[in-house]
N, C-alpha and C. Protein backbone atom coordinates (compact mmCIF):
# COMPACT_ATOMS: atom_id res chain seq x y z
N MET A 1 0.85 -1.17 0.00
CA MET A 1 0.00 0.00 0.00
C MET A 1 0.90 1.24 0.00
N LYS A 2 0.63 2.14 -0.90
CA LYS A 2 1.43 3.35 -1.01
C LYS A 2 1.00 4.37 0.04
N ILE A 3 1.96 5.14 0.51
CA ILE A 3 1.66 6.16 1.52
C ILE A 3 0.71 7.19 0.96
N ARG A 4 0.87 7.55 -0.31
CA ARG A 4 0.01 8.56 -0.93
C ARG A 4 -1.45 8.10 -0.92
N THR A 5 -1.69 6.81 -1.13
CA THR A 5 -3.04 6.26 -1.11
C THR A 5 -3.65 6.43 0.27
N VAL A 6 -2.88 6.18 1.30
CA VAL A 6 -3.39 6.31 2.68
C VAL A 6 -3.71 7.77 2.98
N VAL A 7 -2.88 8.68 2.55
CA VAL A 7 -3.08 10.09 2.83
C VAL A 7 -4.28 10.64 2.08
N ASP A 8 -4.52 10.16 0.88
CA ASP A 8 -5.63 10.67 0.06
C ASP A 8 -7.00 10.17 0.49
N LYS A 9 -7.09 9.05 1.14
CA LYS A 9 -8.38 8.45 1.48
C LYS A 9 -8.59 8.45 2.99
N PHE A 10 -9.63 9.17 3.45
CA PHE A 10 -9.85 9.29 4.89
C PHE A 10 -10.19 7.94 5.52
N TRP A 11 -10.85 7.06 4.78
CA TRP A 11 -11.24 5.77 5.34
C TRP A 11 -10.04 4.85 5.52
N LEU A 12 -8.92 5.15 4.91
CA LEU A 12 -7.67 4.43 5.18
C LEU A 12 -6.81 5.19 6.20
N PHE A 13 -6.84 6.50 6.11
CA PHE A 13 -6.00 7.33 6.97
C PHE A 13 -6.33 7.12 8.45
N GLY A 14 -7.62 7.11 8.77
CA GLY A 14 -8.04 6.93 10.17
C GLY A 14 -7.57 5.62 10.77
N PRO A 15 -7.92 4.49 10.15
CA PRO A 15 -7.49 3.20 10.73
C PRO A 15 -5.97 3.00 10.76
N VAL A 16 -5.27 3.43 9.71
CA VAL A 16 -3.82 3.27 9.70
C VAL A 16 -3.19 4.13 10.80
N SER A 17 -3.67 5.35 10.95
CA SER A 17 -3.18 6.22 12.03
C SER A 17 -3.52 5.63 13.39
N GLY A 18 -4.74 5.11 13.52
CA GLY A 18 -5.17 4.52 14.78
C GLY A 18 -4.33 3.32 15.18
N ILE A 19 -4.07 2.45 14.22
CA ILE A 19 -3.27 1.25 14.51
C ILE A 19 -1.84 1.65 14.89
N ALA A 20 -1.25 2.54 14.11
CA ALA A 20 0.13 2.95 14.40
C ALA A 20 0.24 3.61 15.78
N CYS A 21 -0.66 4.52 16.06
CA CYS A 21 -0.63 5.21 17.35
C CYS A 21 -0.93 4.26 18.50
N ALA A 22 -1.90 3.36 18.31
CA ALA A 22 -2.26 2.41 19.36
C ALA A 22 -1.12 1.45 19.68
N VAL A 23 -0.43 0.97 18.65
CA VAL A 23 0.69 0.06 18.88
C VAL A 23 1.81 0.76 19.65
N LEU A 24 2.15 1.98 19.23
CA LEU A 24 3.22 2.71 19.91
C LEU A 24 2.83 3.06 21.35
N THR A 25 1.62 3.55 21.53
CA THR A 25 1.15 3.92 22.87
C THR A 25 1.10 2.70 23.78
N THR A 26 0.56 1.61 23.27
CA THR A 26 0.46 0.38 24.06
C THR A 26 1.83 -0.12 24.47
N ALA A 27 2.75 -0.16 23.53
CA ALA A 27 4.11 -0.64 23.84
C ALA A 27 4.78 0.24 24.89
N LEU A 28 4.66 1.53 24.72
CA LEU A 28 5.31 2.46 25.65
C LEU A 28 4.74 2.35 27.06
N PHE A 29 3.42 2.47 27.19
CA PHE A 29 2.84 2.51 28.53
C PHE A 29 2.80 1.15 29.21
N THR A 30 2.68 0.08 28.44
CA THR A 30 2.75 -1.25 29.06
C THR A 30 4.16 -1.52 29.58
N ALA A 31 5.15 -1.14 28.80
CA ALA A 31 6.54 -1.31 29.24
C ALA A 31 6.84 -0.47 30.48
N MET A 32 6.31 0.75 30.51
CA MET A 32 6.51 1.60 31.68
C MET A 32 5.84 1.01 32.92
N ASP A 33 4.63 0.50 32.76
CA ASP A 33 3.93 -0.11 33.89
C ASP A 33 4.66 -1.36 34.37
N TRP A 34 5.13 -2.18 33.43
CA TRP A 34 5.86 -3.39 33.80
C TRP A 34 7.16 -3.03 34.55
N ALA A 35 7.87 -2.01 34.05
CA ALA A 35 9.13 -1.62 34.68
C ALA A 35 8.91 -1.03 36.06
N ARG A 36 7.85 -0.22 36.19
CA ARG A 36 7.55 0.39 37.50
C ARG A 36 7.06 -0.67 38.47
N ASN A 37 6.26 -1.60 38.00
CA ASN A 37 5.76 -2.74 38.77
C ASN A 37 5.11 -2.32 40.08
N SER A 38 4.18 -1.39 39.98
CA SER A 38 3.51 -0.90 41.18
C SER A 38 2.75 -2.04 41.87
N ALA A 39 2.92 -2.14 43.14
CA ALA A 39 2.28 -3.14 44.01
C ALA A 39 2.68 -4.57 43.64
N GLY A 40 3.70 -4.74 42.82
CA GLY A 40 4.18 -6.08 42.48
C GLY A 40 3.20 -6.91 41.68
N ILE A 41 2.29 -6.28 40.94
CA ILE A 41 1.30 -7.06 40.21
C ILE A 41 1.82 -7.59 38.87
N PHE A 42 2.86 -6.98 38.30
CA PHE A 42 3.36 -7.42 37.00
C PHE A 42 4.38 -8.55 37.12
N ARG A 43 5.21 -8.49 38.13
CA ARG A 43 6.23 -9.53 38.30
C ARG A 43 6.60 -9.64 39.77
N ASP A 44 7.04 -10.83 40.12
CA ASP A 44 7.51 -11.09 41.47
C ASP A 44 8.66 -12.09 41.37
N SER A 45 8.99 -12.75 42.46
CA SER A 45 10.13 -13.68 42.45
C SER A 45 9.89 -14.87 41.52
N SER A 46 8.66 -15.19 41.24
CA SER A 46 8.39 -16.33 40.35
C SER A 46 8.37 -15.93 38.88
N GLY A 47 8.47 -14.64 38.56
CA GLY A 47 8.53 -14.18 37.18
C GLY A 47 7.41 -13.21 36.84
N THR A 48 7.23 -12.99 35.55
CA THR A 48 6.24 -12.04 35.05
C THR A 48 4.87 -12.70 34.96
N ASP A 49 3.85 -11.99 35.40
CA ASP A 49 2.47 -12.44 35.25
C ASP A 49 1.95 -11.91 33.91
N TRP A 50 2.06 -12.74 32.87
CA TRP A 50 1.76 -12.30 31.52
C TRP A 50 0.28 -11.97 31.31
N SER A 51 -0.60 -12.53 32.11
CA SER A 51 -2.02 -12.20 31.96
C SER A 51 -2.27 -10.74 32.37
N ILE A 52 -1.57 -10.27 33.36
CA ILE A 52 -1.69 -8.86 33.78
C ILE A 52 -1.09 -7.95 32.70
N VAL A 53 0.05 -8.36 32.14
CA VAL A 53 0.67 -7.58 31.07
C VAL A 53 -0.28 -7.51 29.88
N TYR A 54 -0.89 -8.63 29.51
CA TYR A 54 -1.84 -8.66 28.40
C TYR A 54 -3.05 -7.77 28.68
N ASP A 55 -3.61 -7.85 29.88
CA ASP A 55 -4.76 -7.02 30.25
C ASP A 55 -4.41 -5.54 30.18
N THR A 56 -3.23 -5.19 30.64
CA THR A 56 -2.78 -3.80 30.59
C THR A 56 -2.62 -3.34 29.14
N ALA A 57 -2.02 -4.18 28.31
CA ALA A 57 -1.84 -3.83 26.90
C ALA A 57 -3.19 -3.66 26.22
N ALA A 58 -4.12 -4.55 26.48
CA ALA A 58 -5.45 -4.44 25.86
C ALA A 58 -6.17 -3.19 26.34
N SER A 59 -5.99 -2.84 27.60
CA SER A 59 -6.67 -1.65 28.14
C SER A 59 -6.10 -0.36 27.55
N TRP A 60 -4.88 -0.40 27.03
CA TRP A 60 -4.32 0.75 26.33
C TRP A 60 -4.64 0.71 24.84
N PHE A 61 -4.57 -0.48 24.23
CA PHE A 61 -4.71 -0.59 22.79
C PHE A 61 -6.11 -0.26 22.29
N VAL A 62 -7.12 -0.87 22.86
CA VAL A 62 -8.49 -0.74 22.33
C VAL A 62 -8.99 0.70 22.38
N PRO A 63 -8.95 1.39 23.52
CA PRO A 63 -9.45 2.77 23.50
C PRO A 63 -8.63 3.70 22.61
N THR A 64 -7.30 3.52 22.61
CA THR A 64 -6.46 4.36 21.76
C THR A 64 -6.79 4.15 20.29
N LEU A 65 -6.97 2.90 19.90
CA LEU A 65 -7.33 2.59 18.51
C LEU A 65 -8.64 3.25 18.13
N VAL A 66 -9.64 3.13 18.96
CA VAL A 66 -10.96 3.70 18.65
C VAL A 66 -10.89 5.22 18.56
N TYR A 67 -10.34 5.86 19.58
CA TYR A 67 -10.31 7.32 19.61
C TYR A 67 -9.46 7.92 18.49
N VAL A 68 -8.28 7.38 18.29
CA VAL A 68 -7.40 7.94 17.26
C VAL A 68 -7.96 7.70 15.86
N THR A 69 -8.56 6.52 15.62
CA THR A 69 -9.15 6.24 14.31
C THR A 69 -10.25 7.25 14.00
N ILE A 70 -11.14 7.49 14.96
CA ILE A 70 -12.23 8.43 14.74
C ILE A 70 -11.71 9.85 14.57
N LEU A 71 -10.84 10.29 15.46
CA LEU A 71 -10.32 11.65 15.39
C LEU A 71 -9.48 11.89 14.13
N ALA A 72 -8.66 10.92 13.75
CA ALA A 72 -7.83 11.09 12.55
C ALA A 72 -8.70 11.12 11.29
N GLY A 73 -9.71 10.26 11.23
CA GLY A 73 -10.61 10.26 10.08
C GLY A 73 -11.39 11.56 9.96
N LEU A 74 -11.94 12.03 11.08
CA LEU A 74 -12.67 13.30 11.07
C LEU A 74 -11.75 14.48 10.77
N GLY A 75 -10.57 14.46 11.36
CA GLY A 75 -9.60 15.53 11.09
C GLY A 75 -9.21 15.56 9.63
N HIS A 76 -9.07 14.40 9.02
CA HIS A 76 -8.74 14.31 7.60
C HIS A 76 -9.87 14.88 6.76
N LEU A 77 -11.11 14.55 7.10
CA LEU A 77 -12.25 15.09 6.35
C LEU A 77 -12.34 16.61 6.46
N VAL A 78 -12.20 17.12 7.67
CA VAL A 78 -12.29 18.56 7.89
C VAL A 78 -11.14 19.28 7.18
N THR A 79 -9.94 18.78 7.34
CA THR A 79 -8.79 19.41 6.69
C THR A 79 -8.93 19.35 5.17
N GLY A 80 -9.35 18.20 4.65
CA GLY A 80 -9.56 18.08 3.21
C GLY A 80 -10.61 19.03 2.70
N GLY A 81 -11.70 19.20 3.46
CA GLY A 81 -12.74 20.14 3.07
C GLY A 81 -12.25 21.58 3.06
N LEU A 82 -11.49 21.95 4.09
CA LEU A 82 -10.96 23.31 4.16
C LEU A 82 -9.97 23.58 3.02
N VAL A 83 -9.14 22.61 2.71
CA VAL A 83 -8.18 22.76 1.62
C VAL A 83 -8.93 22.89 0.29
N SER A 84 -9.97 22.09 0.12
CA SER A 84 -10.77 22.16 -1.11
C SER A 84 -11.42 23.53 -1.28
N VAL A 85 -12.00 24.05 -0.20
CA VAL A 85 -12.62 25.38 -0.25
C VAL A 85 -11.56 26.44 -0.55
N TYR A 86 -10.40 26.33 0.08
CA TYR A 86 -9.32 27.28 -0.14
C TYR A 86 -8.85 27.24 -1.60
N ARG A 87 -8.69 26.04 -2.16
CA ARG A 87 -8.25 25.92 -3.55
C ARG A 87 -9.28 26.51 -4.50
N LYS A 88 -10.57 26.29 -4.23
CA LYS A 88 -11.62 26.86 -5.08
C LYS A 88 -11.59 28.38 -5.00
N GLN A 89 -11.37 28.90 -3.80
CA GLN A 89 -11.32 30.35 -3.62
C GLN A 89 -10.12 30.94 -4.37
N ILE A 90 -8.99 30.27 -4.29
CA ILE A 90 -7.79 30.73 -4.99
C ILE A 90 -8.00 30.68 -6.50
N SER A 91 -8.58 29.58 -7.01
CA SER A 91 -8.79 29.48 -8.46
C SER A 91 -9.82 30.50 -8.92
N LYS A 92 -10.81 30.80 -8.08
CA LYS A 92 -11.80 31.82 -8.40
C LYS A 92 -11.14 33.19 -8.47
N THR A 93 -10.26 33.48 -7.52
CA THR A 93 -9.55 34.75 -7.49
C THR A 93 -8.61 34.87 -8.68
N ASP A 94 -7.92 33.78 -9.02
CA ASP A 94 -7.03 33.78 -10.19
C ASP A 94 -7.82 34.00 -11.48
N GLY A 95 -9.00 33.40 -11.58
CA GLY A 95 -9.85 33.55 -12.76
C GLY A 95 -10.34 34.98 -12.92
N GLU A 96 -10.69 35.63 -11.82
CA GLU A 96 -11.16 37.01 -11.88
C GLU A 96 -10.04 37.97 -12.23
N SER A 97 -8.84 37.75 -11.71
CA SER A 97 -7.72 38.65 -12.00
C SER A 97 -7.20 38.43 -13.41
N GLY A 98 -7.37 37.23 -13.96
CA GLY A 98 -6.90 36.97 -15.32
C GLY A 98 -7.76 37.60 -16.38
N SER A 99 -9.03 37.88 -16.07
CA SER A 99 -9.94 38.44 -17.07
C SER A 99 -9.87 39.96 -17.12
N GLN A 100 -9.17 40.58 -16.18
CA GLN A 100 -9.10 42.04 -16.16
C GLN A 100 -7.98 42.58 -17.00
């Protein structure tokens, strides 16, 4: 998939942005929680409790994916609409100045 295709289509831009942001956010905050190990719930002398790590990762991934996908898609639509209006205004202004 070409990057230009993703940028041009809001229905691809939102999910691709959501997945990328969710993966990075999940990795960062799950790793931070595991390293901090508050109350010893992530690891103890017997090792890492992977079910807690998985639950923490899921609790970061799902909401981030949903929110970023929606916001990126809507932001793309709004920005695209504003750029379209601006381009029409510019071409209208150029057309009027060219006829004088």
